[in-house]
Amino acid sequence: MVYRVIGEGSMVLHLAFLVYVALGGFLAWRRPRAIWPHLACALYGLGITVIGWTCPLTHVEDWGRRNAGQAGLPPEGFIAHYLTGVVYPAEHLITIQLLVALSVALSWAGTLYLYRQRKRAENTA
């Protein structure tokens, strides 16, 4: 039972991390300091995608599921198992990755714009 909770919990945490990487930069529009943890997560996500680093949450989920007597994750990992071919067609993986990168870039551009607007407002007040 404990191993199953570990497997399921790490799956939920993994999904939350992916959503945060894709959309977390928009939090900085309200709270500018939130850009720093998002920067770290986005750079780590980029490293996983481009360099091929392995996410520790993948190992935790796989370990928990195997110890619970379930099938572990495939060697391709979390995204290939839960998202590619399930949420979006496999042939659109690059498109999805580019859309996530665009979302991150837009959130950061918006954060920079709003930061500059706030600084101008402070200087004129």
Protein backbone atom coordinates (compact mmCIF):
# COMPACT_ATOMS: atom_id res chain seq x y z
CA MET A 1 0.00 0.00 0.00
CA VAL A 2 2.77 2.45 0.90
CA TYR A 3 4.63 1.78 -2.35
CA ARG A 4 1.49 2.37 -4.36
CA VAL A 5 0.97 5.73 -2.62
CA ILE A 6 4.58 6.62 -3.42
CA GLY A 7 4.08 5.70 -7.07
CA GLU A 8 0.79 7.55 -7.40
CA GLY A 9 2.02 10.54 -5.42
CA SER A 10 5.11 10.94 -7.53
CA MET A 11 2.97 10.70 -10.68
CA VAL A 12 0.77 13.57 -9.44
CA LEU A 13 3.81 15.59 -8.40
CA HIS A 14 5.42 14.93 -11.78
CA LEU A 15 2.34 16.16 -13.62
CA ALA A 16 2.17 19.24 -11.39
CA PHE A 17 5.83 19.96 -12.17
CA LEU A 18 5.14 19.76 -15.91
CA VAL A 19 2.17 22.11 -15.61
CA TYR A 20 4.32 24.49 -13.55
CA VAL A 21 7.08 24.45 -16.17
CA ALA A 22 4.57 25.23 -18.91
CA LEU A 23 2.48 27.84 -17.09
CA GLY A 24 4.25 28.82 -13.88
CA GLY A 25 5.90 31.88 -15.38
CA PHE A 26 2.49 33.55 -15.52
CA LEU A 27 2.45 33.55 -11.70
CA ALA A 28 5.21 36.14 -11.86
CA TRP A 29 2.80 38.59 -13.46
CA ARG A 30 1.24 38.98 -10.03
CA ARG A 31 4.29 38.11 -7.93
CA PRO A 32 7.50 39.08 -9.75
CA ARG A 33 9.76 37.12 -7.39
CA ALA A 34 8.05 33.92 -8.53
CA ILE A 35 10.07 34.14 -11.74
CA TRP A 36 13.20 32.78 -10.01
CA PRO A 37 11.86 29.35 -9.02
CA HIS A 38 10.18 29.14 -12.41
CA LEU A 39 13.48 29.94 -14.12
CA ALA A 40 15.15 27.09 -12.26
CA CYS A 41 12.36 24.63 -13.12
CA ALA A 42 12.19 25.71 -16.76
CA LEU A 43 15.96 25.37 -17.17
CA TYR A 44 15.83 21.93 -15.61
CA GLY A 45 12.96 20.98 -17.92
CA LEU A 46 15.00 22.24 -20.86
CA GLY A 47 17.95 20.12 -19.72
CA ILE A 48 15.73 17.06 -19.54
CA THR A 49 14.40 17.73 -23.04
CA VAL A 50 17.57 18.83 -24.81
CA ILE A 51 20.40 17.12 -22.94
CA GLY A 52 18.47 14.03 -21.89
CA TRP A 53 18.82 14.32 -18.15
CA THR A 54 16.67 11.91 -16.19
CA CYS A 55 14.02 13.30 -13.87
CA PRO A 56 14.28 11.89 -10.34
CA LEU A 57 10.48 11.74 -10.11
CA THR A 58 10.51 9.16 -12.90
CA HIS A 59 12.79 6.95 -10.81
CA VAL A 60 10.66 7.41 -7.68
CA GLU A 61 7.45 6.54 -9.49
CA ASP A 62 9.01 3.54 -11.21
CA TRP A 63 10.45 2.29 -7.90
CA GLY A 64 7.16 2.76 -6.07
CA ARG A 65 5.13 1.01 -8.75
CA ARG A 66 7.51 -1.94 -9.06
CA ASN A 67 7.62 -2.43 -5.28
CA ALA A 68 3.80 -2.30 -5.23
CA GLY A 69 3.71 -5.19 -7.70
CA GLN A 70 2.65 -3.01 -10.62
CA ALA A 71 4.29 -2.51 -13.98
CA GLY A 72 6.93 0.20 -13.82
CA LEU A 73 7.36 3.02 -16.26
CA PRO A 74 8.75 2.21 -19.69
CA PRO A 75 12.36 3.24 -20.42
CA GLU A 76 11.09 6.27 -22.37
CA GLY A 77 9.75 7.74 -19.11
CA PHE A 78 6.80 9.67 -17.77
CA ILE A 79 5.92 11.87 -20.74
CA ALA A 80 6.06 9.01 -23.24
CA HIS A 81 3.90 6.85 -20.96
CA TYR A 82 1.22 9.29 -19.83
CA LEU A 83 1.12 12.08 -22.42
CA THR A 84 2.56 11.21 -25.82
CA GLY A 85 -0.01 9.23 -27.75
CA VAL A 86 -2.56 9.69 -24.96
CA VAL A 87 -3.10 13.44 -24.56
CA TYR A 88 -1.64 14.38 -27.95
CA PRO A 89 -0.61 12.31 -30.97
CA ALA A 90 2.99 11.07 -30.90
CA GLU A 91 3.80 12.80 -34.18
CA HIS A 92 3.07 16.17 -32.51
CA LEU A 93 5.65 15.87 -29.73
CA ILE A 94 7.88 18.57 -31.24
CA THR A 95 4.86 20.85 -31.68
CA ILE A 96 3.92 20.41 -28.02
CA GLN A 97 7.49 21.09 -26.91
CA LEU A 98 7.57 24.27 -29.01
CA LEU A 99 4.22 25.39 -27.57
CA VAL A 100 5.54 24.88 -24.04
CA ALA A 101 8.67 26.88 -24.94
CA LEU A 102 6.46 29.62 -26.40
CA SER A 103 4.34 29.69 -23.25
CA VAL A 104 7.46 30.06 -21.10
CA ALA A 105 8.86 32.79 -23.37
CA LEU A 106 5.57 34.72 -23.36
CA SER A 107 5.26 34.47 -19.59
CA TRP A 108 8.79 35.77 -19.13
CA ALA A 109 8.30 38.58 -21.68
CA GLY A 110 5.11 39.58 -19.88
CA THR A 111 6.89 39.50 -16.54
CA LEU A 112 9.66 41.74 -17.87
CA TYR A 113 7.12 44.14 -19.38
CA LEU A 114 5.11 44.37 -16.16
CA TYR A 115 8.28 44.78 -14.10
CA ARG A 116 9.32 47.74 -16.26
CA GLN A 117 5.83 49.25 -16.04
CA ARG A 118 5.93 49.01 -12.24
CA LYS A 119 9.38 50.60 -12.12
CA ARG A 120 8.19 53.49 -14.33
CA ALA A 121 5.16 53.99 -12.11
CA GLU A 122 7.39 54.07 -9.02
CA ASN A 123 9.74 56.59 -10.61
CA THR A 124 6.93 58.94 -11.64
CA ALA A 125 5.17 58.77 -8.27
